[in-house]
Amino acid sequence: MPDAEHSVCALSDIPPGEGRLFEVAGKQIAVFHMRSGEVYATQAECPHRGGPLADGLTGGTSLVCPLHDRTFDLKTGQGIGNDQCLTVYPARVADGGKIVVLA
């Protein structure tokens, strides 16, 4: 089945600089609202030891896992200073201020 866009919440439901966990198309996905206004979506758990990425620290376009300080680029999913990668999902703010994720 091809991916489809799913409305997950209003942009205002996630404070700038934070993330939240959502179930999207049967997958657990972490959605982030950056201070710049951009939104990103990744797999919910860190590939290192399963840390809850929605609780991680964000800055610029990076995410730091709250458990063991593994850092990732939210645009690409590539680890920064480590060889692990995240699955990333295209996300955008649609008309009306809703965050939409392609999953």
Protein backbone atom coordinates (compact mmCIF):
# COMPACT_ATOMS: atom_id res chain seq x y z
CA MET A 1 0.00 0.00 0.00
CA PRO A 2 1.46 3.40 -0.95
CA ASP A 3 2.13 6.04 1.69
CA ALA A 4 -0.60 8.58 2.35
CA GLU A 5 -0.75 11.91 4.11
CA HIS A 6 -2.17 11.86 7.64
CA SER A 7 -3.19 14.88 9.69
CA VAL A 8 -1.73 14.33 13.17
CA CYS A 9 -2.48 17.53 15.13
CA ALA A 10 -2.58 21.30 15.03
CA LEU A 11 0.83 22.98 14.92
CA SER A 12 -0.13 24.77 18.14
CA ASP A 13 -0.51 21.38 19.93
CA ILE A 14 3.29 20.99 19.99
CA PRO A 15 5.20 23.85 21.65
CA PRO A 16 8.12 25.18 19.58
CA GLY A 17 11.30 23.22 20.31
CA GLU A 18 9.44 20.09 21.44
CA GLY A 19 8.22 16.78 20.08
CA ARG A 20 5.20 14.56 20.61
CA LEU A 21 4.46 10.90 19.94
CA PHE A 22 1.64 9.90 17.58
CA GLU A 23 0.35 6.71 16.02
CA VAL A 24 0.23 7.27 12.27
CA ALA A 25 -0.87 4.53 9.88
CA GLY A 26 -0.18 1.92 12.56
CA LYS A 27 3.35 3.26 13.24
CA GLN A 28 4.66 5.10 16.29
CA ILE A 29 6.08 8.38 14.97
CA ALA A 30 7.74 11.28 16.79
CA VAL A 31 6.72 14.68 15.41
CA PHE A 32 8.78 17.80 16.16
CA HIS A 33 7.86 21.49 15.97
CA MET A 34 11.10 23.43 15.69
CA ARG A 35 11.58 26.96 17.00
CA SER A 36 12.02 28.01 13.36
CA GLY A 37 8.47 26.83 12.63
CA GLU A 38 9.58 23.80 10.62
CA VAL A 39 8.19 20.36 11.41
CA TYR A 40 9.90 16.97 11.19
CA ALA A 41 8.81 13.39 11.80
CA THR A 42 10.95 10.35 12.66
CA GLN A 43 10.65 6.87 14.03
CA ALA A 44 9.62 6.96 17.69
CA GLU A 45 12.50 5.04 19.26
CA CYS A 46 16.24 5.63 19.14
CA PRO A 47 18.03 2.83 17.26
CA HIS A 48 20.72 2.74 19.96
CA ARG A 49 18.69 1.55 22.96
CA GLY A 50 15.06 2.45 22.24
CA GLY A 51 15.01 5.87 23.89
CA PRO A 52 11.80 7.91 23.42
CA LEU A 53 12.84 10.39 20.74
CA ALA A 54 9.78 12.62 21.18
CA ASP A 55 11.29 13.54 24.58
CA GLY A 56 14.65 14.46 23.05
CA LEU A 57 16.29 17.86 22.88
CA THR A 58 16.06 19.77 19.60
CA GLY A 59 18.08 22.61 18.14
CA GLY A 60 18.51 23.80 14.58
CA THR A 61 17.72 20.62 12.68
CA SER A 62 19.22 18.20 15.20
CA LEU A 63 17.73 15.88 17.80
CA VAL A 64 19.49 14.45 20.85
CA CYS A 65 18.11 11.21 22.33
CA PRO A 66 17.17 11.75 26.00
CA LEU A 67 18.75 8.48 27.17
CA HIS A 68 22.29 8.32 25.82
CA ASP A 69 22.92 11.62 24.00
CA ARG A 70 22.95 10.13 20.49
CA THR A 71 22.47 13.01 18.03
CA PHE A 72 20.64 12.85 14.68
CA ASP A 73 19.91 15.19 11.78
CA LEU A 74 16.12 15.57 11.55
CA LYS A 75 16.23 16.32 7.81
CA THR A 76 18.11 13.16 6.80
CA GLY A 77 17.95 10.87 9.83
CA GLN A 78 21.74 10.49 9.70
CA GLY A 79 23.56 10.13 12.99
CA ILE A 80 25.85 13.00 13.95
CA GLY A 81 29.00 11.56 15.49
CA ASN A 82 27.57 8.04 15.31
CA ASP A 83 26.85 5.56 12.54
CA GLN A 84 23.16 5.01 13.28
CA CYS A 85 20.27 6.39 11.25
CA LEU A 86 16.64 7.23 11.87
CA THR A 87 13.73 6.61 9.57
CA VAL A 88 12.34 10.03 8.67
CA TYR A 89 8.89 10.79 7.31
CA PRO A 90 8.02 13.83 5.20
CA ALA A 91 6.06 16.32 7.30
CA ARG A 92 4.59 19.74 6.60
CA VAL A 93 2.16 22.30 7.93
CA ALA A 94 -0.96 22.26 5.79
CA ASP A 95 -3.49 25.02 5.28
CA GLY A 96 -5.34 25.59 8.51
CA GLY A 97 -2.23 24.97 10.62
CA LYS A 98 -2.44 21.17 10.78
CA ILE A 99 0.71 19.04 10.79
CA VAL A 100 0.55 16.42 8.05
CA VAL A 101 2.86 13.38 7.89
CA LEU A 102 3.39 11.10 4.91
CA ALA A 103 3.49 7.53 6.20
